[in-house]
C-alpha atoms as a PDB file:
ATOM      1  CA  MET A   1      25.443  31.177  -3.409  1.00  0.00           C
ATOM      2  CA  GLU A   2      22.095  29.993  -2.121  1.00  0.00           C
ATOM      3  CA  ARG A   3      21.698  27.204   0.398  1.00  0.00           C
ATOM      4  CA  PHE A   4      20.319  23.956  -0.981  1.00  0.00           C
ATOM      5  CA  LYS A   5      18.174  21.848   1.295  1.00  0.00           C
ATOM      6  CA  THR A   6      18.257  18.634  -0.743  1.00  0.00           C
ATOM      7  CA  PHE A   7      20.531  16.944  -3.237  1.00  0.00           C
ATOM      8  CA  LYS A   8      17.696  17.084  -5.782  1.00  0.00           C
ATOM      9  CA  GLU A   9      17.762  20.889  -5.536  1.00  0.00           C
ATOM     10  CA  PHE A  10      21.556  20.965  -5.640  1.00  0.00           C
ATOM     11  CA  TYR A  11      22.205  18.733  -8.654  1.00  0.00           C
ATOM     12  CA  PRO A  12      21.029  21.165 -11.391  1.00  0.00           C
ATOM     13  CA  TYR A  13      23.386  23.758  -9.881  1.00  0.00           C
ATOM     14  CA  TYR A  14      26.161  21.143  -9.841  1.00  0.00           C
ATOM     15  CA  LEU A  15      25.646  20.423 -13.547  1.00  0.00           C
ATOM     16  CA  GLU A  16      25.646  24.146 -14.342  1.00  0.00           C
ATOM     17  CA  GLU A  17      29.083  24.391 -12.719  1.00  0.00           C
ATOM     18  CA  HIS A  18      30.281  21.546 -15.007  1.00  0.00           C
ATOM     19  CA  ARG A  19      29.232  22.871 -18.400  1.00  0.00           C
ATOM     20  CA  LEU A  20      32.391  22.036 -20.344  1.00  0.00           C
ATOM     21  CA  PRO A  21      32.886  18.467 -21.565  1.00  0.00           C
ATOM     22  CA  GLN A  22      36.545  18.691 -20.526  1.00  0.00           C
ATOM     23  CA  THR A  23      35.517  19.428 -16.937  1.00  0.00           C
ATOM     24  CA  LYS A  24      33.274  16.377 -16.931  1.00  0.00           C
ATOM     25  CA  LEU A  25      36.164  14.332 -18.338  1.00  0.00           C
ATOM     26  CA  PHE A  26      38.528  15.509 -15.572  1.00  0.00           C
ATOM     27  CA  HIS A  27      35.886  14.596 -12.983  1.00  0.00           C
ATOM     28  CA  PHE A  28      35.202  11.230 -14.604  1.00  0.00           C
ATOM     29  CA  ILE A  29      38.889  10.276 -14.629  1.00  0.00           C
ATOM     30  CA  GLY A  30      39.368  11.497 -11.062  1.00  0.00           C
ATOM     31  CA  THR A  31      36.315   9.638  -9.767  1.00  0.00           C
ATOM     32  CA  PHE A  32      37.364   6.471 -11.560  1.00  0.00           C
ATOM     33  CA  GLY A  33      40.837   6.794 -10.024  1.00  0.00           C
ATOM     34  CA  SER A  34      39.290   7.268  -6.593  1.00  0.00           C
ATOM     35  CA  ILE A  35      37.239   4.117  -6.969  1.00  0.00           C
ATOM     36  CA  VAL A  36      40.330   2.151  -8.005  1.00  0.00           C
ATOM     37  CA  PHE A  37      42.383   3.491  -5.072  1.00  0.00           C
ATOM     38  CA  ILE A  38      39.605   2.719  -2.567  1.00  0.00           C
ATOM     39  CA  ILE A  39      39.307  -0.844  -3.846  1.00  0.00           C
ATOM     40  CA  LEU A  40      43.085  -1.280  -3.709  1.00  0.00           C
ATOM     41  CA  ALA A  41      43.264   0.225  -0.211  1.00  0.00           C
ATOM     42  CA  VAL A  42      40.743  -2.317   1.045  1.00  0.00           C
ATOM     43  CA  LEU A  43      42.103  -5.338  -0.828  1.00  0.00           C
ATOM     44  CA  ARG A  44      45.747  -4.642   0.011  1.00  0.00           C
ATOM     45  CA  GLU A  45      45.026  -3.279   3.479  1.00  0.00           C
ATOM     46  CA  MET A  46      46.983  -0.102   2.682  1.00  0.00           C
ATOM     47  CA  PRO A  47      45.211   2.879   4.274  1.00  0.00           C
ATOM     48  CA  ILE A  48      47.616   5.333   2.602  1.00  0.00           C
ATOM     49  CA  LEU A  49      45.815   4.595  -0.653  1.00  0.00           C
ATOM     50  CA  PHE A  50      42.752   6.414   0.706  1.00  0.00           C
ATOM     51  CA  LEU A  51      44.855   9.572   0.513  1.00  0.00           C
ATOM     52  CA  PHE A  52      45.546   8.840  -3.143  1.00  0.00           C
ATOM     53  CA  ALA A  53      41.799   8.365  -3.645  1.00  0.00           C
ATOM     54  CA  LEU A  54      41.211  11.883  -2.323  1.00  0.00           C
ATOM     55  CA  LEU A  55      44.002  13.337  -4.439  1.00  0.00           C
ATOM     56  CA  SER A  56      42.731  11.593  -7.541  1.00  0.00           C
ATOM     57  CA  GLY A  57      39.145  12.660  -7.018  1.00  0.00           C
ATOM     58  CA  TYR A  58      39.764  16.260  -6.084  1.00  0.00           C
ATOM     59  CA  GLY A  59      43.047  17.076  -7.824  1.00  0.00           C
ATOM     60  CA  GLY A  60      41.929  16.995 -11.432  1.00  0.00           C
ATOM     61  CA  ALA A  61      38.463  18.240 -10.573  1.00  0.00           C
ATOM     62  CA  TRP A  62      39.787  21.364  -8.874  1.00  0.00           C
ATOM     63  CA  VAL A  63      42.271  22.032 -11.667  1.00  0.00           C
ATOM     64  CA  SER A  64      39.426  21.839 -14.176  1.00  0.00           C
ATOM     65  CA  HIS A  65      37.322  24.282 -12.158  1.00  0.00           C
ATOM     66  CA  PHE A  66      40.063  26.840 -11.640  1.00  0.00           C
ATOM     67  CA  PHE A  67      41.558  26.729 -15.151  1.00  0.00           C
ATOM     68  CA  LEU A  68      38.790  25.533 -17.498  1.00  0.00           C
ATOM     69  CA  GLU A  69      35.447  26.514 -15.993  1.00  0.00           C
ATOM     70  CA  LYS A  70      36.991  29.440 -14.098  1.00  0.00           C
ATOM     71  CA  ASN A  71      34.708  28.910 -11.118  1.00  0.00           C
ATOM     72  CA  LYS A  72      35.093  27.773  -7.525  1.00  0.00           C
ATOM     73  CA  PRO A  73      34.359  24.101  -6.769  1.00  0.00           C
ATOM     74  CA  ALA A  74      31.121  23.606  -4.855  1.00  0.00           C
ATOM     75  CA  THR A  75      33.056  21.230  -2.592  1.00  0.00           C
ATOM     76  CA  PHE A  76      33.984  24.141  -0.361  1.00  0.00           C
ATOM     77  CA  LYS A  77      30.344  24.954   0.505  1.00  0.00           C
ATOM     78  CA  TYR A  78      28.613  21.640  -0.202  1.00  0.00           C
ATOM     79  CA  PRO A  79      31.137  18.827   0.406  1.00  0.00           C
ATOM     80  CA  ILE A  80      28.632  15.974   0.752  1.00  0.00           C
ATOM     81  CA  TYR A  81      26.362  17.077  -2.088  1.00  0.00           C
ATOM     82  CA  SER A  82      29.401  17.652  -4.305  1.00  0.00           C
ATOM     83  CA  LEU A  83      30.707  14.163  -3.622  1.00  0.00           C
ATOM     84  CA  MET A  84      27.273  12.749  -4.387  1.00  0.00           C
ATOM     85  CA  GLY A  85      27.203  14.859  -7.560  1.00  0.00           C
ATOM     86  CA  ASP A  86      30.584  13.494  -8.650  1.00  0.00           C
ATOM     87  CA  PHE A  87      29.339   9.931  -8.411  1.00  0.00           C
ATOM     88  CA  LYS A  88      25.997  10.699 -10.044  1.00  0.00           C
ATOM     89  CA  MET A  89      27.704  12.501 -12.937  1.00  0.00           C
ATOM     90  CA  PHE A  90      30.219   9.609 -13.199  1.00  0.00           C
ATOM     91  CA  TYR A  91      27.293   7.207 -13.604  1.00  0.00           C
ATOM     92  CA  GLU A  92      25.570   9.485 -16.109  1.00  0.00           C
ATOM     93  CA  VAL A  93      28.767   9.743 -18.179  1.00  0.00           C
ATOM     94  CA  LEU A  94      29.010   5.935 -18.163  1.00  0.00           C
ATOM     95  CA  MET A  95      25.402   5.766 -19.369  1.00  0.00           C
ATOM     96  CA  GLY A  96      26.133   8.247 -22.174  1.00  0.00           C
ATOM     97  CA  ARG A  97      24.037  11.118 -20.777  1.00  0.00           C
ATOM     98  CA  HIS A  98      26.953  13.579 -20.863  1.00  0.00           C
ATOM     99  CA  LYS A  99      29.574  14.183 -23.519  1.00  0.00           C
ATOM    100  CA  VAL A 100      33.142  14.283 -22.257  1.00  0.00           C
ATOM    101  CA  LEU A 101      35.018  14.687 -25.541  1.00  0.00           C
END
């Protein structure tokens, strides 16, 4: 896997690793769950909910990579860019730029 110097270079690779609509759906649900858990953690002052945010965001995403896409999540080599990619793809799904069903 090549080294990406910028997120702009990385994002096309990220999308290539998320070809299946089902994978995008798993990521969308997980990212949405993460957002909810982060908001709840702050509002309720319950730091344990940050752990649930991580589990929500990465759990379904990793399952979709291993069992649907049959590839390795980019998180292991590009953790920051992958997180940024999750949120960018989440936004693009909301805007109708990607099919998830």
